[in-house]
């Protein structure tokens, strides 16, 4: 069994590597045209949504995870700073960095939603659920959104769920691709 610090160290290393490699991967595979910006949102930029989430989660080694004896659902909100009035006019999608220790099972999962607020109304323009990934290792996944961007407020809402303390959900960061 891996130690807690070893797992977080590997996850942090993975996230840092992914931030460096992801732009090259997308450029080389033609998924994103050259010249588009990347907005990296490290987990440390995300804040628990309410006091219940604060009590359930902890930030260790640059990643959010459930505290040892906590389970249930917790929420994080992650600001997207380059969209809107000062950023590009289109969001192609987002990459998420995570570890969901039960893979495709649903005892543990993380649901990411790219949200815009326009005229007081909140709208999700794309979601990704880690239970769709057939892996229990630290990994990254891409969700295409193809959202037009105006002057709205944008953020990523992260819903973390753990029904058993024998599993773990770890949120490592987000890369919004404009």
N, C-alpha and C. Protein backbone atom coordinates (compact mmCIF):
# COMPACT_ATOMS: atom_id res chain seq x y z
N UNK A 1 0.84 -1.18 0.00
CA UNK A 1 0.00 0.00 0.00
C UNK A 1 0.88 1.24 0.00
N UNK A 2 0.53 2.20 -0.85
CA UNK A 2 1.31 3.43 -0.96
C UNK A 2 1.05 4.32 0.24
N UNK A 3 2.07 5.03 0.64
CA UNK A 3 1.88 5.99 1.72
C UNK A 3 1.18 7.22 1.19
N UNK A 4 0.53 7.95 2.09
CA UNK A 4 -0.22 9.13 1.70
C UNK A 4 0.69 10.17 1.04
N UNK A 5 1.85 10.43 1.62
CA UNK A 5 2.75 11.44 1.05
C UNK A 5 3.28 11.01 -0.31
N UNK A 6 3.53 9.70 -0.49
CA UNK A 6 4.02 9.21 -1.76
C UNK A 6 2.98 9.42 -2.86
N UNK A 7 1.72 9.13 -2.57
CA UNK A 7 0.65 9.31 -3.55
C UNK A 7 0.52 10.79 -3.92
N UNK A 8 0.52 11.69 -2.93
CA UNK A 8 0.39 13.11 -3.21
C UNK A 8 1.60 13.65 -3.93
N UNK A 9 2.77 13.15 -3.61
CA UNK A 9 3.98 13.58 -4.29
C UNK A 9 3.90 13.19 -5.77
N UNK A 10 3.46 11.97 -6.04
CA UNK A 10 3.32 11.53 -7.42
C UNK A 10 2.24 12.32 -8.15
N UNK A 11 1.14 12.61 -7.47
CA UNK A 11 0.07 13.38 -8.09
C UNK A 11 0.56 14.79 -8.41
N UNK A 12 1.28 15.43 -7.48
CA UNK A 12 1.81 16.78 -7.72
C UNK A 12 2.79 16.77 -8.89
N UNK A 13 3.66 15.77 -8.93
CA UNK A 13 4.61 15.65 -10.03
C UNK A 13 3.86 15.47 -11.35
N UNK A 14 2.83 14.62 -11.33
CA UNK A 14 2.03 14.37 -12.52
C UNK A 14 1.37 15.67 -13.00
N UNK A 15 0.79 16.44 -12.08
CA UNK A 15 0.10 17.67 -12.47
C UNK A 15 1.07 18.66 -13.07
N UNK A 16 2.23 18.82 -12.46
CA UNK A 16 3.22 19.76 -12.99
C UNK A 16 3.67 19.32 -14.38
N UNK A 17 3.89 18.03 -14.55
CA UNK A 17 4.29 17.50 -15.86
C UNK A 17 3.19 17.71 -16.89
N UNK A 18 1.95 17.47 -16.48
CA UNK A 18 0.82 17.60 -17.40
C UNK A 18 0.67 19.05 -17.86
N UNK A 19 0.88 20.01 -16.96
CA UNK A 19 0.77 21.42 -17.35
C UNK A 19 1.80 21.77 -18.40
N UNK A 20 2.97 21.13 -18.34
CA UNK A 20 4.01 21.40 -19.32
C UNK A 20 3.77 20.66 -20.63
N UNK A 21 3.24 19.44 -20.53
CA UNK A 21 3.09 18.58 -21.70
C UNK A 21 1.78 18.83 -22.44
N UNK A 22 0.72 19.20 -21.75
CA UNK A 22 -0.61 19.33 -22.38
C UNK A 22 -0.61 20.27 -23.58
N UNK A 23 -0.02 21.47 -23.49
CA UNK A 23 -0.04 22.34 -24.67
C UNK A 23 0.65 21.69 -25.87
N UNK A 24 1.76 21.02 -25.66
CA UNK A 24 2.47 20.37 -26.76
C UNK A 24 1.63 19.24 -27.34
N UNK A 25 0.95 18.47 -26.49
CA UNK A 25 0.09 17.38 -26.96
C UNK A 25 -1.02 17.92 -27.85
N UNK A 26 -1.69 18.96 -27.42
CA UNK A 26 -2.81 19.48 -28.20
C UNK A 26 -2.34 20.16 -29.48
N UNK A 27 -1.22 20.89 -29.41
CA UNK A 27 -0.71 21.51 -30.62
C UNK A 27 -0.31 20.44 -31.63
N UNK A 28 0.40 19.40 -31.15
CA UNK A 28 0.90 18.39 -32.06
C UNK A 28 -0.21 17.54 -32.64
N UNK A 29 -1.32 17.39 -31.95
CA UNK A 29 -2.43 16.58 -32.44
C UNK A 29 -3.49 17.40 -33.15
N UNK A 30 -3.28 18.71 -33.28
CA UNK A 30 -4.19 19.55 -34.02
C UNK A 30 -5.52 19.81 -33.33
N UNK A 31 -5.65 19.43 -32.07
CA UNK A 31 -6.91 19.63 -31.36
C UNK A 31 -7.15 21.11 -31.10
N UNK A 32 -6.08 21.88 -30.99
CA UNK A 32 -6.21 23.30 -30.72
C UNK A 32 -5.27 24.04 -31.66
N UNK A 33 -5.79 25.04 -32.31
CA UNK A 33 -4.97 25.81 -33.25
C UNK A 33 -3.90 26.59 -32.49
N UNK A 34 -2.76 26.74 -33.12
CA UNK A 34 -1.67 27.49 -32.50
C UNK A 34 -2.10 28.91 -32.18
N UNK A 35 -1.63 29.45 -31.07
CA UNK A 35 -1.92 30.81 -30.70
C UNK A 35 -3.00 30.94 -29.65
N UNK A 36 -3.73 29.87 -29.32
CA UNK A 36 -4.76 29.94 -28.29
C UNK A 36 -4.15 29.90 -26.90
N UNK A 37 -4.81 30.55 -25.96
CA UNK A 37 -4.30 30.66 -24.59
C UNK A 37 -4.71 29.44 -23.77
N UNK A 38 -3.97 29.20 -22.72
CA UNK A 38 -4.29 28.16 -21.76
C UNK A 38 -4.39 28.82 -20.39
N UNK A 39 -5.47 28.56 -19.65
CA UNK A 39 -5.64 29.12 -18.31
C UNK A 39 -5.52 28.01 -17.29
N UNK A 40 -4.39 27.93 -16.63
CA UNK A 40 -4.16 26.90 -15.62
C UNK A 40 -4.76 27.32 -14.29
N UNK A 41 -5.56 26.45 -13.71
CA UNK A 41 -6.15 26.69 -12.40
C UNK A 41 -5.64 25.61 -11.45
N UNK A 42 -4.59 25.91 -10.69
CA UNK A 42 -4.12 24.91 -9.72
C UNK A 42 -5.18 24.71 -8.64
N UNK A 43 -5.17 23.54 -8.03
CA UNK A 43 -6.15 23.23 -6.99
C UNK A 43 -6.13 24.27 -5.87
N UNK A 44 -4.96 24.82 -5.59
CA UNK A 44 -4.85 25.80 -4.50
C UNK A 44 -5.62 27.09 -4.79
N UNK A 45 -6.00 27.35 -6.05
CA UNK A 45 -6.82 28.52 -6.38
C UNK A 45 -8.30 28.28 -6.13
N UNK A 46 -8.67 27.04 -5.89
CA UNK A 46 -10.07 26.69 -5.65
C UNK A 46 -10.39 26.80 -4.16
N UNK A 47 -11.61 27.22 -3.87
CA UNK A 47 -12.03 27.42 -2.48
C UNK A 47 -13.24 26.55 -2.18
N UNK A 48 -13.29 25.98 -0.98
CA UNK A 48 -14.50 25.25 -0.59
C UNK A 48 -15.71 26.18 -0.65
N UNK A 49 -16.83 25.64 -1.11
CA UNK A 49 -18.03 26.43 -1.34
C UNK A 49 -18.75 26.83 -0.06
N UNK A 50 -18.68 26.00 0.97
CA UNK A 50 -19.40 26.27 2.22
C UNK A 50 -18.66 25.64 3.39
N UNK A 51 -19.15 25.87 4.60
CA UNK A 51 -18.47 25.38 5.80
C UNK A 51 -18.46 23.85 5.85
N UNK A 52 -19.49 23.21 5.33
CA UNK A 52 -19.51 21.75 5.29
C UNK A 52 -18.36 21.22 4.44
N UNK A 53 -18.12 21.86 3.31
CA UNK A 53 -17.01 21.45 2.44
C UNK A 53 -15.66 21.70 3.11
N UNK A 54 -15.54 22.82 3.83
CA UNK A 54 -14.30 23.13 4.56
C UNK A 54 -13.98 22.01 5.55
N UNK A 55 -14.99 21.52 6.24
CA UNK A 55 -14.79 20.48 7.25
C UNK A 55 -14.44 19.13 6.64
N UNK A 56 -14.84 18.87 5.41
CA UNK A 56 -14.62 17.56 4.79
C UNK A 56 -13.32 17.46 4.01
N UNK A 57 -12.82 18.59 3.49
CA UNK A 57 -11.68 18.57 2.59
C UNK A 57 -10.43 19.16 3.22
N UNK A 58 -9.28 18.77 2.65
CA UNK A 58 -8.01 19.39 3.02
C UNK A 58 -7.14 19.50 1.77
N UNK A 59 -6.28 20.52 1.77
CA UNK A 59 -5.37 20.77 0.66
C UNK A 59 -4.00 20.26 1.07
N UNK A 60 -3.53 19.20 0.41
CA UNK A 60 -2.24 18.59 0.73
C UNK A 60 -1.45 18.40 -0.55
N UNK A 61 -0.22 18.85 -0.56
CA UNK A 61 0.65 18.67 -1.72
C UNK A 61 0.08 19.26 -3.00
N UNK A 62 -0.67 20.36 -2.89
CA UNK A 62 -1.23 21.01 -4.06
C UNK A 62 -2.48 20.37 -4.61
N UNK A 63 -3.12 19.47 -3.86
CA UNK A 63 -4.34 18.80 -4.32
C UNK A 63 -5.37 18.74 -3.19
N UNK A 64 -6.64 18.89 -3.56
CA UNK A 64 -7.73 18.76 -2.59
C UNK A 64 -8.12 17.30 -2.45
N UNK A 65 -8.37 16.86 -1.22
CA UNK A 65 -8.82 15.49 -0.96
C UNK A 65 -9.69 15.49 0.28
N UNK A 66 -10.39 14.38 0.49
CA UNK A 66 -11.19 14.25 1.70
C UNK A 66 -10.29 14.00 2.90
N UNK A 67 -10.65 14.59 4.04
CA UNK A 67 -9.95 14.30 5.29
C UNK A 67 -10.14 12.83 5.63
N UNK A 68 -9.26 12.28 6.42
CA UNK A 68 -9.21 10.84 6.71
C UNK A 68 -10.56 10.22 7.06
N UNK A 69 -11.30 10.76 7.99
CA UNK A 69 -12.54 10.15 8.44
C UNK A 69 -13.79 10.78 7.86
N UNK A 70 -13.64 11.62 6.82
CA UNK A 70 -14.79 12.31 6.23
C UNK A 70 -15.28 11.60 4.97
N UNK A 71 -16.57 11.66 4.76
CA UNK A 71 -17.17 11.16 3.53
C UNK A 71 -18.42 11.99 3.26
N UNK A 72 -19.03 11.78 2.11
CA UNK A 72 -20.19 12.57 1.70
C UNK A 72 -19.86 13.36 0.45
N UNK A 73 -20.46 14.54 0.33
CA UNK A 73 -20.25 15.40 -0.84
C UNK A 73 -19.71 16.75 -0.39
N UNK A 74 -18.72 17.24 -1.12
CA UNK A 74 -18.12 18.55 -0.83
C UNK A 74 -17.94 19.28 -2.16
N UNK A 75 -17.93 20.60 -2.09
CA UNK A 75 -17.87 21.43 -3.29
C UNK A 75 -16.71 22.42 -3.23
N UNK A 76 -16.08 22.62 -4.40
CA UNK A 76 -15.06 23.64 -4.57
C UNK A 76 -15.51 24.56 -5.71
N UNK A 77 -15.11 25.82 -5.63
CA UNK A 77 -15.34 26.76 -6.72
C UNK A 77 -13.99 27.32 -7.16
N UNK A 78 -13.74 27.25 -8.46
CA UNK A 78 -12.44 27.62 -9.01
C UNK A 78 -12.63 28.73 -10.04
N UNK A 79 -12.11 29.93 -9.77
CA UNK A 79 -12.30 31.05 -10.71
C UNK A 79 -11.53 30.84 -12.01
N UNK A 80 -12.14 31.27 -13.10
CA UNK A 80 -11.49 31.27 -14.41
C UNK A 80 -11.24 32.73 -14.74
N UNK A 81 -9.99 33.13 -14.72
CA UNK A 81 -9.66 34.56 -14.80
C UNK A 81 -9.45 35.10 -16.19
N UNK A 82 -9.16 34.28 -17.19
CA UNK A 82 -8.83 34.83 -18.50
C UNK A 82 -10.01 34.90 -19.44
N UNK A 83 -11.19 34.50 -19.00
CA UNK A 83 -12.35 34.56 -19.86
C UNK A 83 -13.10 35.86 -19.67
N UNK A 84 -13.98 36.20 -20.58
CA UNK A 84 -14.78 37.41 -20.43
C UNK A 84 -14.18 38.61 -21.13
N UNK A 85 -14.21 39.76 -20.47
CA UNK A 85 -13.85 41.02 -21.14
C UNK A 85 -12.39 41.09 -21.54
N UNK A 86 -11.49 40.44 -20.78
CA UNK A 86 -10.07 40.55 -21.10
C UNK A 86 -9.53 39.34 -21.83
N UNK A 87 -10.33 38.32 -22.01
CA UNK A 87 -9.84 37.08 -22.59
C UNK A 87 -10.36 36.83 -23.98
N UNK A 88 -10.23 35.59 -24.42
CA UNK A 88 -10.67 35.21 -25.76
C UNK A 88 -12.20 35.18 -25.86
N UNK A 89 -12.71 34.85 -27.03
CA UNK A 89 -14.15 34.86 -27.25
C UNK A 89 -14.74 33.45 -27.34
N UNK A 90 -13.94 32.42 -27.10
CA UNK A 90 -14.41 31.06 -27.26
C UNK A 90 -13.67 30.13 -26.30
N UNK A 91 -14.38 29.23 -25.62
CA UNK A 91 -13.74 28.21 -24.78
C UNK A 91 -13.95 26.86 -25.44
N UNK A 92 -12.86 26.26 -25.86
CA UNK A 92 -12.96 24.97 -26.55
C UNK A 92 -13.24 23.82 -25.58
N UNK A 93 -12.72 23.91 -24.37
CA UNK A 93 -12.91 22.82 -23.42
C UNK A 93 -12.03 22.99 -22.21
N UNK A 94 -11.92 21.92 -21.43
CA UNK A 94 -11.05 21.96 -20.27
C UNK A 94 -10.47 20.59 -19.98
N UNK A 95 -9.26 20.60 -19.43
CA UNK A 95 -8.59 19.40 -18.96
C UNK A 95 -8.71 19.37 -17.45
N UNK A 96 -8.94 18.19 -16.89
CA UNK A 96 -9.01 18.05 -15.44
C UNK A 96 -7.97 17.04 -14.99
N UNK A 97 -7.37 17.33 -13.84
CA UNK A 97 -6.36 16.46 -13.24
C UNK A 97 -6.95 15.87 -11.98
N UNK A 98 -6.98 14.55 -11.87
CA UNK A 98 -7.68 13.94 -10.75
C UNK A 98 -7.17 12.53 -10.47
N UNK A 99 -7.57 12.03 -9.33
CA UNK A 99 -7.44 10.61 -9.02
C UNK A 99 -8.74 10.17 -8.36
N UNK A 100 -9.37 9.16 -8.91
CA UNK A 100 -10.62 8.58 -8.43
C UNK A 100 -10.31 7.11 -8.16
N UNK A 101 -10.11 6.75 -6.90
CA UNK A 101 -9.55 5.44 -6.58
C UNK A 101 -10.47 4.26 -6.86
N UNK A 102 -11.75 4.49 -7.15
CA UNK A 102 -12.60 3.35 -7.50
C UNK A 102 -12.93 3.29 -9.00
N UNK A 103 -12.24 4.10 -9.80
CA UNK A 103 -12.40 4.04 -11.25
C UNK A 103 -13.82 4.33 -11.71
N UNK A 104 -14.41 3.40 -12.47
CA UNK A 104 -15.75 3.61 -13.03
C UNK A 104 -16.87 3.37 -12.02
N UNK A 105 -16.55 2.89 -10.85
CA UNK A 105 -17.57 2.72 -9.81
C UNK A 105 -17.99 4.09 -9.30
N UNK A 106 -19.09 4.18 -8.58
CA UNK A 106 -19.62 5.49 -8.19
C UNK A 106 -19.53 5.78 -6.70
N UNK A 107 -18.78 4.97 -5.94
CA UNK A 107 -18.60 5.29 -4.52
C UNK A 107 -17.78 6.55 -4.33
N UNK A 108 -16.89 6.81 -5.27
CA UNK A 108 -16.05 7.99 -5.24
C UNK A 108 -16.03 8.59 -6.65
N UNK A 109 -16.26 9.88 -6.75
CA UNK A 109 -16.12 10.53 -8.04
C UNK A 109 -16.00 12.04 -7.86
N UNK A 110 -15.56 12.68 -8.93
CA UNK A 110 -15.45 14.13 -8.98
C UNK A 110 -16.17 14.59 -10.24
N UNK A 111 -17.06 15.55 -10.08
CA UNK A 111 -17.81 16.09 -11.21
C UNK A 111 -17.38 17.54 -11.40
N UNK A 112 -16.83 17.85 -12.58
CA UNK A 112 -16.38 19.20 -12.92
C UNK A 112 -17.43 19.84 -13.84
N UNK A 113 -17.80 21.09 -13.57
CA UNK A 113 -18.73 21.82 -14.43
C UNK A 113 -18.18 23.21 -14.71
N UNK A 114 -18.06 23.57 -15.99
CA UNK A 114 -17.68 24.92 -16.38
C UNK A 114 -18.97 25.75 -16.38
N UNK A 115 -19.00 26.79 -15.53
CA UNK A 115 -20.22 27.56 -15.28
C UNK A 115 -20.02 29.02 -15.72
N UNK A 116 -21.06 29.59 -16.33
CA UNK A 116 -21.03 31.02 -16.61
C UNK A 116 -22.21 31.67 -15.89
N UNK A 117 -22.01 32.92 -15.48
CA UNK A 117 -23.07 33.71 -14.87
C UNK A 117 -23.34 34.90 -15.78
N UNK A 118 -24.54 34.95 -16.29
CA UNK A 118 -24.93 36.03 -17.19
C UNK A 118 -26.30 36.55 -16.75
N UNK A 119 -26.36 37.86 -16.47
CA UNK A 119 -27.61 38.49 -16.02
C UNK A 119 -28.20 37.78 -14.80
N UNK A 120 -27.34 37.37 -13.87
CA UNK A 120 -27.78 36.73 -12.64
C UNK A 120 -28.17 35.27 -12.77
N UNK A 121 -28.02 34.69 -13.97
CA UNK A 121 -28.39 33.29 -14.20
C UNK A 121 -27.12 32.46 -14.39
N UNK A 122 -27.02 31.35 -13.65
CA UNK A 122 -25.88 30.45 -13.75
C UNK A 122 -26.21 29.32 -14.73
N UNK A 123 -25.31 29.06 -15.68
CA UNK A 123 -25.53 28.04 -16.70
C UNK A 123 -24.27 27.18 -16.85
N UNK A 124 -24.44 25.86 -16.82
CA UNK A 124 -23.33 24.95 -17.07
C UNK A 124 -23.17 24.78 -18.57
N UNK A 125 -21.93 24.95 -19.05
CA UNK A 125 -21.67 24.79 -20.49
C UNK A 125 -20.91 23.51 -20.79
N UNK A 126 -20.58 22.73 -19.77
CA UNK A 126 -19.90 21.46 -19.97
C UNK A 126 -19.56 20.82 -18.64
N UNK A 127 -19.72 19.51 -18.57
CA UNK A 127 -19.40 18.78 -17.33
C UNK A 127 -18.55 17.56 -17.65
N UNK A 128 -17.79 17.13 -16.65
CA UNK A 128 -17.01 15.89 -16.76
C UNK A 128 -17.09 15.16 -15.44
N UNK A 129 -17.44 13.87 -15.48
CA UNK A 129 -17.55 13.02 -14.29
C UNK A 129 -16.42 12.00 -14.33
N UNK A 130 -15.60 11.94 -13.29
CA UNK A 130 -14.44 11.05 -13.28
C UNK A 130 -14.83 9.58 -13.27
N UNK A 131 -16.06 9.25 -12.93
CA UNK A 131 -16.47 7.85 -12.97
C UNK A 131 -16.57 7.30 -14.39
N UNK A 132 -16.44 8.18 -15.38
CA UNK A 132 -16.42 7.71 -16.77
C UNK A 132 -15.02 7.28 -17.19
N UNK A 133 -14.02 7.58 -16.37
CA UNK A 133 -12.63 7.20 -16.69
C UNK A 133 -12.33 5.83 -16.09
N UNK A 134 -11.86 4.93 -16.90
CA UNK A 134 -11.57 3.58 -16.44
C UNK A 134 -10.14 3.49 -15.91
N UNK A 135 -9.87 4.27 -14.86
CA UNK A 135 -8.55 4.24 -14.25
C UNK A 135 -8.67 4.61 -12.77
N UNK A 136 -7.77 4.05 -11.97
CA UNK A 136 -7.72 4.40 -10.56
C UNK A 136 -6.45 5.19 -10.24
N UNK A 137 -5.63 5.43 -11.24
CA UNK A 137 -4.38 6.18 -11.08
C UNK A 137 -4.62 7.67 -11.32
N UNK A 138 -3.67 8.49 -10.91
CA UNK A 138 -3.74 9.92 -11.20
C UNK A 138 -3.71 10.09 -12.72
N UNK A 139 -4.64 10.87 -13.25
CA UNK A 139 -4.75 10.99 -14.70
C UNK A 139 -5.33 12.35 -15.08
N UNK A 140 -5.44 12.61 -16.36
CA UNK A 140 -6.10 13.81 -16.84
C UNK A 140 -7.09 13.42 -17.93
N UNK A 141 -8.12 14.22 -18.08
CA UNK A 141 -9.15 13.97 -19.09
C UNK A 141 -9.57 15.30 -19.70
N UNK A 142 -10.00 15.25 -20.96
CA UNK A 142 -10.41 16.44 -21.70
C UNK A 142 -11.91 16.41 -21.91
N UNK A 143 -12.57 17.54 -21.69
CA UNK A 143 -13.99 17.70 -21.96
C UNK A 143 -14.16 18.88 -22.90
N UNK A 144 -14.73 18.63 -24.07
CA UNK A 144 -14.97 19.70 -25.03
C UNK A 144 -16.23 20.46 -24.63
N UNK A 145 -16.18 21.80 -24.68
CA UNK A 145 -17.35 22.61 -24.33
C UNK A 145 -17.85 23.45 -25.50
N UNK A 146 -16.94 23.99 -26.30
CA UNK A 146 -17.30 24.84 -27.44
C UNK A 146 -18.28 25.93 -27.05
N UNK A 147 -17.93 26.70 -26.03
CA UNK A 147 -18.81 27.75 -25.51
C UNK A 147 -18.37 29.12 -26.01
N UNK A 148 -19.34 29.91 -26.47
CA UNK A 148 -19.08 31.31 -26.80
C UNK A 148 -18.92 32.08 -25.49
N UNK A 149 -17.98 33.01 -25.49
CA UNK A 149 -17.70 33.75 -24.27
C UNK A 149 -17.98 35.22 -24.51
N UNK A 150 -18.72 35.83 -23.59
CA UNK A 150 -18.97 37.26 -23.64
C UNK A 150 -18.32 37.91 -22.45
N UNK A 151 -19.06 38.74 -21.75
CA UNK A 151 -18.53 39.45 -20.60
C UNK A 151 -18.97 38.79 -19.29
N UNK A 152 -19.37 37.54 -19.36
CA UNK A 152 -19.88 36.85 -18.18
C UNK A 152 -18.77 36.52 -17.18
N UNK A 153 -19.21 36.20 -15.97
CA UNK A 153 -18.33 35.68 -14.93
C UNK A 153 -18.26 34.17 -15.13
N UNK A 154 -17.04 33.60 -15.12
CA UNK A 154 -16.85 32.16 -15.34
C UNK A 154 -16.15 31.53 -14.15
N UNK A 155 -16.51 30.29 -13.85
CA UNK A 155 -15.80 29.51 -12.84
C UNK A 155 -16.05 28.03 -13.09
N UNK A 156 -15.25 27.19 -12.45
CA UNK A 156 -15.46 25.75 -12.51
C UNK A 156 -15.95 25.31 -11.14
N UNK A 157 -17.11 24.65 -11.14
CA UNK A 157 -17.66 24.08 -9.90
C UNK A 157 -17.22 22.62 -9.85
N UNK A 158 -16.63 22.24 -8.72
CA UNK A 158 -16.14 20.88 -8.54
C UNK A 158 -16.95 20.23 -7.42
N UNK A 159 -17.60 19.12 -7.75
CA UNK A 159 -18.35 18.36 -6.76
C UNK A 159 -17.58 17.07 -6.48
N UNK A 160 -17.12 16.91 -5.25
CA UNK A 160 -16.36 15.72 -4.86
C UNK A 160 -17.24 14.83 -3.99
N UNK A 161 -17.28 13.55 -4.32
CA UNK A 161 -18.12 12.62 -3.56
C UNK A 161 -17.31 11.42 -3.11
N UNK A 162 -17.49 11.05 -1.85
CA UNK A 162 -16.86 9.84 -1.31
C UNK A 162 -17.86 9.20 -0.34
N UNK A 163 -18.29 7.97 -0.67
CA UNK A 163 -19.25 7.27 0.17
C UNK A 163 -18.58 6.32 1.15
N UNK A 164 -17.31 6.00 0.91
CA UNK A 164 -16.58 5.07 1.78
C UNK A 164 -15.21 5.66 2.09
N UNK A 165 -14.79 5.57 3.34
CA UNK A 165 -13.47 6.10 3.71
C UNK A 165 -12.34 5.21 3.19
N UNK A 166 -12.68 4.05 2.61
CA UNK A 166 -11.64 3.20 2.02
C UNK A 166 -11.25 3.66 0.61
N UNK A 167 -11.98 4.63 0.05
CA UNK A 167 -11.69 5.19 -1.27
C UNK A 167 -11.27 6.65 -1.10
N UNK A 168 -10.75 7.25 -2.18
CA UNK A 168 -10.34 8.65 -2.09
C UNK A 168 -10.58 9.34 -3.44
N UNK A 169 -11.02 10.58 -3.36
CA UNK A 169 -11.14 11.45 -4.53
C UNK A 169 -10.14 12.58 -4.35
N UNK A 170 -9.28 12.80 -5.35
CA UNK A 170 -8.25 13.83 -5.26
C UNK A 170 -8.38 14.74 -6.47
N UNK A 171 -8.52 16.05 -6.24
CA UNK A 171 -8.65 17.04 -7.30
C UNK A 171 -7.35 17.82 -7.40
N UNK A 172 -6.69 17.72 -8.56
CA UNK A 172 -5.38 18.31 -8.70
C UNK A 172 -5.31 19.61 -9.46
N UNK A 173 -6.32 19.95 -10.25
CA UNK A 173 -6.28 21.19 -10.99
C UNK A 173 -7.05 21.11 -12.29
N UNK A 174 -7.14 22.24 -12.97
CA UNK A 174 -7.93 22.36 -14.18
C UNK A 174 -7.16 23.23 -15.17
N UNK A 175 -7.28 22.90 -16.43
CA UNK A 175 -6.67 23.69 -17.50
C UNK A 175 -7.79 24.06 -18.47
N UNK A 176 -8.21 25.33 -18.49
CA UNK A 176 -9.25 25.77 -19.41
C UNK A 176 -8.58 26.14 -20.72
N UNK A 177 -9.12 25.63 -21.81
CA UNK A 177 -8.52 25.82 -23.12
C UNK A 177 -9.39 26.78 -23.91
N UNK A 178 -8.83 27.95 -24.21
CA UNK A 178 -9.61 28.99 -24.89
C UNK A 178 -9.34 28.97 -26.38
